[in-house]
PDB file of all heavy atoms in Angstrom:
ATOM      1  N   LEU A   1     -10.426-143.181  -8.362  1.00  0.00           N
ATOM      2  CA  LEU A   1      -9.385-142.203  -8.078  1.00  0.00           C
ATOM      3  C   LEU A   1      -8.696-142.582  -6.771  1.00  0.00           C
ATOM      4  O   LEU A   1      -9.345-142.692  -5.721  1.00  0.00           O
ATOM      5  CB  LEU A   1      -9.985-140.799  -7.971  1.00  0.00           C
ATOM      6  CG  LEU A   1      -9.100-139.667  -7.439  1.00  0.00           C
ATOM      7  CD1 LEU A   1      -7.859-139.499  -8.292  1.00  0.00           C
ATOM      8  CD2 LEU A   1      -9.880-138.361  -7.381  1.00  0.00           C
ATOM      9  N   VAL A   2      -7.389-142.797  -6.840  1.00  0.00           N
ATOM     10  CA  VAL A   2      -6.587-143.117  -5.660  1.00  0.00           C
ATOM     11  C   VAL A   2      -5.566-142.007  -5.478  1.00  0.00           C
ATOM     12  O   VAL A   2      -4.843-141.669  -6.418  1.00  0.00           O
ATOM     13  CB  VAL A   2      -5.866-144.469  -5.816  1.00  0.00           C
ATOM     14  CG1 VAL A   2      -4.966-144.740  -4.618  1.00  0.00           C
ATOM     15  CG2 VAL A   2      -6.872-145.599  -5.985  1.00  0.00           C
ATOM     16  N   ALA A   3      -5.504-141.438  -4.284  1.00  0.00           N
ATOM     17  CA  ALA A   3      -4.558-140.347  -4.017  1.00  0.00           C
ATOM     18  C   ALA A   3      -3.919-140.544  -2.652  1.00  0.00           C
ATOM     19  O   ALA A   3      -4.514-141.154  -1.760  1.00  0.00           O
ATOM     20  CB  ALA A   3      -5.266-138.998  -4.078  1.00  0.00           C
ATOM     21  N   GLY A   4      -2.722-140.008  -2.514  1.00  0.00           N
ATOM     22  CA  GLY A   4      -2.073-140.069  -1.213  1.00  0.00           C
ATOM     23  C   GLY A   4      -2.906-139.370  -0.164  1.00  0.00           C
ATOM     24  O   GLY A   4      -3.091-139.875   0.944  1.00  0.00           O
ATOM     25  N   GLN A   5      -3.415-138.199  -0.511  1.00  0.00           N
ATOM     26  CA  GLN A   5      -4.335-137.454   0.343  1.00  0.00           C
ATOM     27  C   GLN A   5      -5.543-137.024  -0.474  1.00  0.00           C
ATOM     28  O   GLN A   5      -5.430-136.759  -1.674  1.00  0.00           O
ATOM     29  CB  GLN A   5      -3.656-136.210   0.922  1.00  0.00           C
ATOM     30  CG  GLN A   5      -2.577-136.494   1.956  1.00  0.00           C
ATOM     31  CD  GLN A   5      -2.010-135.215   2.529  1.00  0.00           C
ATOM     32  OE1 GLN A   5      -1.487-134.368   1.808  1.00  0.00           O
ATOM     33  NE2 GLN A   5      -2.105-135.052   3.835  1.00  0.00           N
ATOM     34  N   VAL A   6      -6.699-136.961   0.171  1.00  0.00           N
ATOM     35  CA  VAL A   6      -7.931-136.563  -0.506  1.00  0.00           C
ATOM     36  C   VAL A   6      -8.599-135.449   0.282  1.00  0.00           C
ATOM     37  O   VAL A   6      -8.814-135.567   1.498  1.00  0.00           O
ATOM     38  CB  VAL A   6      -8.912-137.752  -0.647  1.00  0.00           C
ATOM     39  CG1 VAL A   6     -10.252-137.268  -1.194  1.00  0.00           C
ATOM     40  CG2 VAL A   6      -8.328-138.834  -1.546  1.00  0.00           C
ATOM     41  N   SER A   7      -8.913-134.369  -0.404  1.00  0.00           N
ATOM     42  CA  SER A   7      -9.765-133.314   0.135  1.00  0.00           C
ATOM     43  C   SER A   7     -10.963-133.191  -0.809  1.00  0.00           C
ATOM     44  O   SER A   7     -10.894-133.596  -1.972  1.00  0.00           O
ATOM     45  CB  SER A   7      -9.018-131.981   0.212  1.00  0.00           C
ATOM     46  OG  SER A   7      -7.820-132.102   0.950  1.00  0.00           O
ATOM     47  N   ASP A   8     -12.069-132.644  -0.305  1.00  0.00           N
ATOM     48  CA  ASP A   8     -13.245-132.392  -1.158  1.00  0.00           C
ATOM     49  C   ASP A   8     -13.751-133.682  -1.810  1.00  0.00           C
ATOM     50  O   ASP A   8     -14.117-133.712  -2.988  1.00  0.00           O
ATOM     51  CB  ASP A   8     -12.919-131.352  -2.241  1.00  0.00           C
ATOM     52  CG  ASP A   8     -12.263-130.109  -1.674  1.00  0.00           C
ATOM     53  OD1 ASP A   8     -12.861-129.490  -0.785  1.00  0.00           O
ATOM     54  OD2 ASP A   8     -11.149-129.778  -2.116  1.00  0.00           O
ATOM     55  N   ARG A   9     -13.782-134.759  -1.039  1.00  0.00           N
ATOM     56  CA  ARG A   9     -14.152-136.071  -1.583  1.00  0.00           C
ATOM     57  C   ARG A   9     -15.546-136.061  -2.215  1.00  0.00           C
ATOM     58  O   ARG A   9     -15.749-136.626  -3.292  1.00  0.00           O
ATOM     59  CB  ARG A   9     -14.091-137.126  -0.472  1.00  0.00           C
ATOM     60  CG  ARG A   9     -14.361-138.560  -0.951  1.00  0.00           C
ATOM     61  CD  ARG A   9     -14.137-139.562   0.169  1.00  0.00           C
ATOM     62  NE  ARG A   9     -14.299-140.921  -0.311  1.00  0.00           N
ATOM     63  CZ  ARG A   9     -15.455-141.545  -0.371  1.00  0.00           C
ATOM     64  NH1 ARG A   9     -16.580-140.916   0.017  1.00  0.00           N
ATOM     65  NH2 ARG A   9     -15.540-142.778  -0.835  1.00  0.00           N
ATOM     66  N   ASP A  10     -16.516-135.427  -1.554  1.00  0.00           N
ATOM     67  CA  ASP A  10     -17.882-135.414  -2.085  1.00  0.00           C
ATOM     68  C   ASP A  10     -17.939-134.735  -3.448  1.00  0.00           C
ATOM     69  O   ASP A  10     -18.651-135.189  -4.355  1.00  0.00           O
ATOM     70  CB  ASP A  10     -18.831-134.715  -1.108  1.00  0.00           C
ATOM     71  CG  ASP A  10     -19.083-135.550   0.152  1.00  0.00           C
ATOM     72  OD1 ASP A  10     -18.783-136.764   0.124  1.00  0.00           O
ATOM     73  OD2 ASP A  10     -19.566-134.980   1.151  1.00  0.00           O
ATOM     74  N   ALA A  11     -17.179-133.642  -3.605  1.00  0.00           N
ATOM     75  CA  ALA A  11     -17.164-132.939  -4.890  1.00  0.00           C
ATOM     76  C   ALA A  11     -16.555-133.820  -5.979  1.00  0.00           C
ATOM     77  O   ALA A  11     -17.008-133.808  -7.134  1.00  0.00           O
ATOM     78  CB  ALA A  11     -16.381-131.637  -4.764  1.00  0.00           C
ATOM     79  N   LEU A  12     -15.537-134.592  -5.640  1.00  0.00           N
ATOM     80  CA  LEU A  12     -14.907-135.493  -6.604  1.00  0.00           C
ATOM     81  C   LEU A  12     -15.870-136.593  -7.019  1.00  0.00           C
ATOM     82  O   LEU A  12     -15.943-136.965  -8.202  1.00  0.00           O
ATOM     83  CB  LEU A  12     -13.630-136.085  -6.010  1.00  0.00           C
ATOM     84  CG  LEU A  12     -12.496-135.079  -5.749  1.00  0.00           C
ATOM     85  CD1 LEU A  12     -11.407-135.706  -4.879  1.00  0.00           C
ATOM     86  CD2 LEU A  12     -11.901-134.584  -7.066  1.00  0.00           C
ATOM     87  N   LEU A  13     -16.631-137.109  -6.067  1.00  0.00           N
ATOM     88  CA  LEU A  13     -17.627-138.126  -6.407  1.00  0.00           C
ATOM     89  C   LEU A  13     -18.739-137.543  -7.284  1.00  0.00           C
ATOM     90  O   LEU A  13     -19.176-138.176  -8.246  1.00  0.00           O
ATOM     91  CB  LEU A  13     -18.212-138.727  -5.127  1.00  0.00           C
ATOM     92  CG  LEU A  13     -17.282-139.658  -4.337  1.00  0.00           C
ATOM     93  CD1 LEU A  13     -17.872-139.958  -2.966  1.00  0.00           C
ATOM     94  CD2 LEU A  13     -17.032-140.958  -5.106  1.00  0.00           C
ATOM     95  N   ARG A  14     -19.158-136.328  -6.961  1.00  0.00           N
ATOM     96  CA  ARG A  14     -20.203-135.679  -7.785  1.00  0.00           C
ATOM     97  C   ARG A  14     -19.708-135.423  -9.200  1.00  0.00           C
ATOM     98  O   ARG A  14     -20.497-135.397 -10.150  1.00  0.00           O
ATOM     99  CB  ARG A  14     -20.649-134.363  -7.136  1.00  0.00           C
ATOM    100  CG  ARG A  14     -21.503-134.532  -5.901  1.00  0.00           C
ATOM    101  CD  ARG A  14     -22.209-133.230  -5.539  1.00  0.00           C
ATOM    102  NE  ARG A  14     -21.263-132.152  -5.246  1.00  0.00           N
ATOM    103  CZ  ARG A  14     -20.760-131.903  -4.043  1.00  0.00           C
ATOM    104  NH1 ARG A  14     -21.105-132.659  -3.011  1.00  0.00           N
ATOM    105  NH2 ARG A  14     -19.920-130.896  -3.865  1.00  0.00           N
ATOM    106  N   ALA A  15     -18.413-135.247  -9.353  1.00  0.00           N
ATOM    107  CA  ALA A  15     -17.847-134.994 -10.684  1.00  0.00           C
ATOM    108  C   ALA A  15     -17.902-136.237 -11.564  1.00  0.00           C
ATOM    109  O   ALA A  15     -17.751-136.131 -12.785  1.00  0.00           O
ATOM    110  CB  ALA A  15     -16.403-134.517 -10.561  1.00  0.00           C
ATOM    111  N   GLY A  16     -18.094-137.410 -10.955  1.00  0.00           N
ATOM    112  CA  GLY A  16     -18.268-138.615 -11.769  1.00  0.00           C
ATOM    113  C   GLY A  16     -17.372-139.783 -11.438  1.00  0.00           C
ATOM    114  O   GLY A  16     -17.517-140.860 -12.028  1.00  0.00           O
ATOM    115  N   PHE A  17     -16.443-139.610 -10.498  1.00  0.00           N
ATOM    116  CA  PHE A  17     -15.628-140.759 -10.100  1.00  0.00           C
ATOM    117  C   PHE A  17     -16.495-141.761  -9.346  1.00  0.00           C
ATOM    118  O   PHE A  17     -17.318-141.378  -8.510  1.00  0.00           O
ATOM    119  CB  PHE A  17     -14.461-140.311  -9.208  1.00  0.00           C
ATOM    120  CG  PHE A  17     -13.426-139.492  -9.920  1.00  0.00           C
ATOM    121  CD1 PHE A  17     -13.351-138.116  -9.750  1.00  0.00           C
ATOM    122  CD2 PHE A  17     -12.521-140.099 -10.780  1.00  0.00           C
ATOM    123  CE1 PHE A  17     -12.404-137.359 -10.411  1.00  0.00           C
ATOM    124  CE2 PHE A  17     -11.560-139.344 -11.454  1.00  0.00           C
ATOM    125  CZ  PHE A  17     -11.505-137.972 -11.265  1.00  0.00           C
ATOM    126  N   ASP A  18     -16.315-143.034  -9.630  1.00  0.00           N
ATOM    127  CA  ASP A  18     -17.098-144.063  -8.949  1.00  0.00           C
ATOM    128  C   ASP A  18     -16.531-144.381  -7.571  1.00  0.00           C
ATOM    129  O   ASP A  18     -17.271-144.771  -6.662  1.00  0.00           O
ATOM    130  CB  ASP A  18     -17.123-145.339  -9.803  1.00  0.00           C
ATOM    131  CG  ASP A  18     -17.830-145.111 -11.130  1.00  0.00           C
ATOM    132  OD1 ASP A  18     -19.058-145.008 -11.132  1.00  0.00           O
ATOM    133  OD2 ASP A  18     -17.129-145.013 -12.162  1.00  0.00           O
ATOM    134  N   TYR A  19     -15.229-144.242  -7.427  1.00  0.00           N
ATOM    135  CA  TYR A  19     -14.554-144.471  -6.153  1.00  0.00           C
ATOM    136  C   TYR A  19     -13.517-143.363  -5.959  1.00  0.00           C
ATOM    137  O   TYR A  19     -12.819-142.983  -6.903  1.00  0.00           O
ATOM    138  CB  TYR A  19     -13.826-145.823  -6.124  1.00  0.00           C
ATOM    139  CG  TYR A  19     -14.709-147.021  -6.367  1.00  0.00           C
ATOM    140  CD1 TYR A  19     -14.963-147.468  -7.662  1.00  0.00           C
ATOM    141  CD2 TYR A  19     -15.282-147.716  -5.297  1.00  0.00           C
ATOM    142  CE1 TYR A  19     -15.771-148.570  -7.891  1.00  0.00           C
ATOM    143  CE2 TYR A  19     -16.092-148.819  -5.519  1.00  0.00           C
ATOM    144  CZ  TYR A  19     -16.338-149.240  -6.816  1.00  0.00           C
ATOM    145  OH  TYR A  19     -17.136-150.328  -7.037  1.00  0.00           O
ATOM    146  N   VAL A  20     -13.413-142.881  -4.739  1.00  0.00           N
ATOM    147  CA  VAL A  20     -12.353-141.937  -4.367  1.00  0.00           C
ATOM    148  C   VAL A  20     -11.731-142.478  -3.083  1.00  0.00           C
ATOM    149  O   VAL A  20     -12.382-142.524  -2.036  1.00  0.00           O
ATOM    150  CB  VAL A  20     -12.885-140.508  -4.150  1.00  0.00           C
ATOM    151  CG1 VAL A  20     -11.762-139.589  -3.685  1.00  0.00           C
ATOM    152  CG2 VAL A  20     -13.516-139.970  -5.433  1.00  0.00           C
ATOM    153  N   VAL A  21     -10.485-142.911  -3.159  1.00  0.00           N
ATOM    154  CA  VAL A  21      -9.851-143.605  -2.037  1.00  0.00           C
ATOM    155  C   VAL A  21      -8.569-142.885  -1.632  1.00  0.00           C
ATOM    156  O   VAL A  21      -7.724-142.581  -2.483  1.00  0.00           O
ATOM    157  CB  VAL A  21      -9.521-145.069  -2.415  1.00  0.00           C
ATOM    158  CG1 VAL A  21      -8.852-145.779  -1.242  1.00  0.00           C
ATOM    159  CG2 VAL A  21     -10.783-145.804  -2.838  1.00  0.00           C
ATOM    160  N   GLU A  22      -8.428-142.602  -0.357  1.00  0.00           N
ATOM    161  CA  GLU A  22      -7.198-142.029   0.186  1.00  0.00           C
ATOM    162  C   GLU A  22      -6.264-143.165   0.572  1.00  0.00           C
ATOM    163  O   GLU A  22      -6.601-144.014   1.394  1.00  0.00           O
ATOM    164  CB  GLU A  22      -7.502-141.149   1.395  1.00  0.00           C
ATOM    165  CG  GLU A  22      -6.291-140.416   1.944  1.00  0.00           C
ATOM    166  CD  GLU A  22      -6.670-139.386   2.991  1.00  0.00           C
ATOM    167  OE1 GLU A  22      -6.961-139.787   4.134  1.00  0.00           O
ATOM    168  OE2 GLU A  22      -6.687-138.181   2.664  1.00  0.00           O
ATOM    169  N   ALA A  23      -5.075-143.170  -0.019  1.00  0.00           N
ATOM    170  CA  ALA A  23      -4.153-144.278   0.183  1.00  0.00           C
ATOM    171  C   ALA A  23      -3.435-144.207   1.532  1.00  0.00           C
ATOM    172  O   ALA A  23      -3.120-145.241   2.123  1.00  0.00           O
ATOM    173  CB  ALA A  23      -3.119-144.305  -0.941  1.00  0.00           C
ATOM    174  N   THR A  24      -3.174-143.002   2.026  1.00  0.00           N
ATOM    175  CA  THR A  24      -2.422-142.853   3.269  1.00  0.00           C
ATOM    176  C   THR A  24      -3.307-143.174   4.472  1.00  0.00           C
ATOM    177  O   THR A  24      -4.361-142.549   4.641  1.00  0.00           O
ATOM    178  CB  THR A  24      -1.873-141.422   3.406  1.00  0.00           C
ATOM    179  OG1 THR A  24      -1.072-141.116   2.267  1.00  0.00           O
ATOM    180  CG2 THR A  24      -1.034-141.283   4.663  1.00  0.00           C
ATOM    181  N   PRO A  25      -2.927-144.124   5.309  1.00  0.00           N
ATOM    182  CA  PRO A  25      -3.737-144.450   6.493  1.00  0.00           C
ATOM    183  C   PRO A  25      -3.872-143.242   7.416  1.00  0.00           C
ATOM    184  O   PRO A  25      -2.958-142.419   7.538  1.00  0.00           O
ATOM    185  CB  PRO A  25      -2.932-145.570   7.168  1.00  0.00           C
ATOM    186  CG  PRO A  25      -2.081-146.152   6.089  1.00  0.00           C
ATOM    187  CD  PRO A  25      -1.752-145.008   5.182  1.00  0.00           C
ATOM    188  N   GLU A  26      -5.018-143.138   8.075  1.00  0.00           N
ATOM    189  CA  GLU A  26      -5.261-142.031   8.995  1.00  0.00           C
ATOM    190  C   GLU A  26      -4.199-142.013  10.094  1.00  0.00           C
ATOM    191  O   GLU A  26      -3.880-143.044  10.689  1.00  0.00           O
ATOM    192  CB  GLU A  26      -6.650-142.163   9.619  1.00  0.00           C
ATOM    193  CG  GLU A  26      -7.056-140.986  10.481  1.00  0.00           C
ATOM    194  CD  GLU A  26      -8.479-141.096  10.993  1.00  0.00           C
ATOM    195  OE1 GLU A  26      -9.179-142.048  10.589  1.00  0.00           O
ATOM    196  OE2 GLU A  26      -8.877-140.229  11.795  1.00  0.00           O
ATOM    197  N   GLY A  27      -3.651-140.831  10.324  1.00  0.00           N
ATOM    198  CA  GLY A  27      -2.669-140.673  11.386  1.00  0.00           C
ATOM    199  C   GLY A  27      -1.231-140.904  10.967  1.00  0.00           C
ATOM    200  O   GLY A  27      -0.308-140.629  11.739  1.00  0.00           O
ATOM    201  N   MET A  28      -1.001-141.405   9.747  1.00  0.00           N
ATOM    202  CA  MET A  28       0.371-141.624   9.300  1.00  0.00           C
ATOM    203  C   MET A  28       1.039-140.284   9.007  1.00  0.00           C
ATOM    204  O   MET A  28       0.495-139.470   8.253  1.00  0.00           O
ATOM    205  CB  MET A  28       0.411-142.503   8.048  1.00  0.00           C
ATOM    206  CG  MET A  28       1.820-142.711   7.495  1.00  0.00           C
ATOM    207  SD  MET A  28       1.888-143.832   6.064  1.00  0.00           S
ATOM    208  CE  MET A  28       1.712-145.428   6.866  1.00  0.00           C
ATOM    209  N   PRO A  29       2.228-140.023   9.566  1.00  0.00           N
ATOM    210  CA  PRO A  29       2.923-138.760   9.291  1.00  0.00           C
ATOM    211  C   PRO A  29       3.231-138.614   7.801  1.00  0.00           C
ATOM    212  O   PRO A  29       3.541-139.598   7.124  1.00  0.00           O
ATOM    213  CB  PRO A  29       4.222-138.886  10.104  1.00  0.00           C
ATOM    214  CG  PRO A  29       3.930-139.924  11.140  1.00  0.00           C
ATOM    215  CD  PRO A  29       2.963-140.874  10.513  1.00  0.00           C
ATOM    216  N   ILE A  30       3.153-137.393   7.307  1.00  0.00           N
ATOM    217  CA  ILE A  30       3.415-137.127   5.889  1.00  0.00           C
ATOM    218  C   ILE A  30       4.819-137.561   5.508  1.00  0.00           C
ATOM    219  O   ILE A  30       5.050-138.106   4.411  1.00  0.00           O
ATOM    220  CB  ILE A  30       3.218-135.629   5.570  1.00  0.00           C
ATOM    221  CG1 ILE A  30       1.753-135.233   5.743  1.00  0.00           C
ATOM    222  CG2 ILE A  30       3.664-135.323   4.139  1.00  0.00           C
ATOM    223  CD1 ILE A  30       0.790-135.961   4.825  1.00  0.00           C
ATOM    224  N   SER A  31       5.777-137.335   6.410  1.00  0.00           N
ATOM    225  CA  SER A  31       7.162-137.712   6.117  1.00  0.00           C
ATOM    226  C   SER A  31       7.279-139.212   5.848  1.00  0.00           C
ATOM    227  O   SER A  31       8.040-139.636   4.975  1.00  0.00           O
ATOM    228  CB  SER A  31       8.077-137.318   7.270  1.00  0.00           C
ATOM    229  OG  SER A  31       7.643-137.918   8.488  1.00  0.00           O
ATOM    230  N   LEU A  32       6.516-140.017   6.576  1.00  0.00           N
ATOM    231  CA  LEU A  32       6.532-141.459   6.358  1.00  0.00           C
ATOM    232  C   LEU A  32       5.759-141.821   5.091  1.00  0.00           C
ATOM    233  O   LEU A  32       6.193-142.672   4.303  1.00  0.00           O
ATOM    234  CB  LEU A  32       5.935-142.186   7.562  1.00  0.00           C
ATOM    235  CG  LEU A  32       5.831-143.715   7.471  1.00  0.00           C
ATOM    236  CD1 LEU A  32       7.204-144.339   7.215  1.00  0.00           C
ATOM    237  CD2 LEU A  32       5.201-144.289   8.739  1.00  0.00           C
ATOM    238  N   ALA A  33       4.619-141.163   4.882  1.00  0.00           N
ATOM    239  CA  ALA A  33       3.805-141.444   3.695  1.00  0.00           C
ATOM    240  C   ALA A  33       4.554-141.114   2.414  1.00  0.00           C
ATOM    241  O   ALA A  33       4.309-141.730   1.366  1.00  0.00           O
ATOM    242  CB  ALA A  33       2.503-140.652   3.753  1.00  0.00           C
ATOM    243  N   MET A  34       5.478-140.138   2.471  1.00  0.00           N
ATOM    244  CA  MET A  34       6.250-139.739   1.293  1.00  0.00           C
ATOM    245  C   MET A  34       7.439-140.656   1.030  1.00  0.00           C
ATOM    246  O   MET A  34       8.098-140.526  -0.004  1.00  0.00           O
ATOM    247  CB  MET A  34       6.746-138.299   1.472  1.00  0.00           C
ATOM    248  CG  MET A  34       5.653-137.241   1.422  1.00  0.00           C
ATOM    249  SD  MET A  34       5.029-136.972  -0.249  1.00  0.00           S
ATOM    250  CE  MET A  34       6.409-136.075  -0.954  1.00  0.00           C
ATOM    251  N   ASP A  35       7.733-141.559   1.941  1.00  0.00           N
ATOM    252  CA  ASP A  35       8.785-142.541   1.695  1.00  0.00           C
ATOM    253  C   ASP A  35       8.349-143.441   0.543  1.00  0.00           C
ATOM    254  O   ASP A  35       7.243-143.999   0.575  1.00  0.00           O
ATOM    255  CB  ASP A  35       9.014-143.380   2.950  1.00  0.00           C
ATOM    256  CG  ASP A  35       9.976-144.525   2.699  1.00  0.00           C
ATOM    257  OD1 ASP A  35      11.172-144.273   2.529  1.00  0.00           O
ATOM    258  OD2 ASP A  35       9.493-145.683   2.654  1.00  0.00           O
ATOM    259  N   PRO A  36       9.158-143.593  -0.504  1.00  0.00           N
ATOM    260  CA  PRO A  36       8.721-144.361  -1.681  1.00  0.00           C
ATOM    261  C   PRO A  36       8.227-145.774  -1.374  1.00  0.00           C
ATOM    262  O   PRO A  36       7.203-146.208  -1.925  1.00  0.00           O
ATOM    263  CB  PRO A  36       9.975-144.375  -2.569  1.00  0.00           C
ATOM    264  CG  PRO A  36      10.696-143.121  -2.206  1.00  0.00           C
ATOM    265  CD  PRO A  36      10.475-142.951  -0.734  1.00  0.00           C
ATOM    266  N   ALA A  37       8.935-146.499  -0.511  1.00  0.00           N
ATOM    267  CA  ALA A  37       8.517-147.868  -0.192  1.00  0.00           C
ATOM    268  C   ALA A  37       7.165-147.871   0.505  1.00  0.00           C
ATOM    269  O   ALA A  37       6.295-148.714   0.215  1.00  0.00           O
ATOM    270  CB  ALA A  37       9.572-148.548   0.676  1.00  0.00           C
ATOM    271  N   THR A  38       6.964-146.911   1.425  1.00  0.00           N
ATOM    272  CA  THR A  38       5.682-146.817   2.124  1.00  0.00           C
ATOM    273  C   THR A  38       4.568-146.429   1.163  1.00  0.00           C
ATOM    274  O   THR A  38       3.456-146.978   1.215  1.00  0.00           O
ATOM    275  CB  THR A  38       5.773-145.776   3.260  1.00  0.00           C
ATOM    276  OG1 THR A  38       6.839-146.138   4.139  1.00  0.00           O
ATOM    277  CG2 THR A  38       4.483-145.712   4.043  1.00  0.00           C
ATOM    278  N   ALA A  39       4.858-145.487   0.288  1.00  0.00           N
ATOM    279  CA  ALA A  39       3.850-145.051  -0.685  1.00  0.00           C
ATOM    280  C   ALA A  39       3.426-146.199  -1.591  1.00  0.00           C
ATOM    281  O   ALA A  39       2.234-146.360  -1.899  1.00  0.00           O
ATOM    282  CB  ALA A  39       4.396-143.889  -1.517  1.00  0.00           C
ATOM    283  N   ARG A  40       4.390-146.995  -2.030  1.00  0.00           N
ATOM    284  CA  ARG A  40       4.041-148.155  -2.873  1.00  0.00           C
ATOM    285  C   ARG A  40       3.097-149.098  -2.143  1.00  0.00           C
ATOM    286  O   ARG A  40       2.107-149.584  -2.714  1.00  0.00           O
ATOM    287  CB  ARG A  40       5.311-148.903  -3.287  1.00  0.00           C
ATOM    288  CG  ARG A  40       6.192-148.174  -4.293  1.00  0.00           C
ATOM    289  CD  ARG A  40       7.318-149.070  -4.762  1.00  0.00           C
ATOM    290  NE  ARG A  40       8.212-148.389  -5.675  1.00  0.00           N
ATOM    291  CZ  ARG A  40       9.331-147.779  -5.305  1.00  0.00           C
ATOM    292  NH1 ARG A  40       9.699-147.784  -4.019  1.00  0.00           N
ATOM    293  NH2 ARG A  40      10.093-147.172  -6.196  1.00  0.00           N
ATOM    294  N   GLU A  41       3.389-149.369  -0.889  1.00  0.00           N
ATOM    295  CA  GLU A  41       2.557-150.292  -0.111  1.00  0.00           C
ATOM    296  C   GLU A  41       1.172-149.706   0.116  1.00  0.00           C
ATOM    297  O   GLU A  41       0.159-150.412   0.032  1.00  0.00           O
ATOM    298  CB  GLU A  41       3.234-150.608   1.221  1.00  0.00           C
ATOM    299  CG  GLU A  41       2.548-151.705   2.023  1.00  0.00           C
ATOM    300  CD  GLU A  41       2.524-153.047   1.316  1.00  0.00           C
ATOM    301  OE1 GLU A  41       3.410-153.305   0.454  1.00  0.00           O
ATOM    302  OE2 GLU A  41       1.613-153.850   1.617  1.00  0.00           O
TER     303      GLU A  41
END
């Protein structure tokens, strides 16, 4: 599971996902993360 933002990661893993990865780097502003080119990268 790859998401722009992740909350409740432990619950998602317990549900059966093998990996839960937050795509947005820590500290990146949401406005920048929502830019399509940035999101793709």
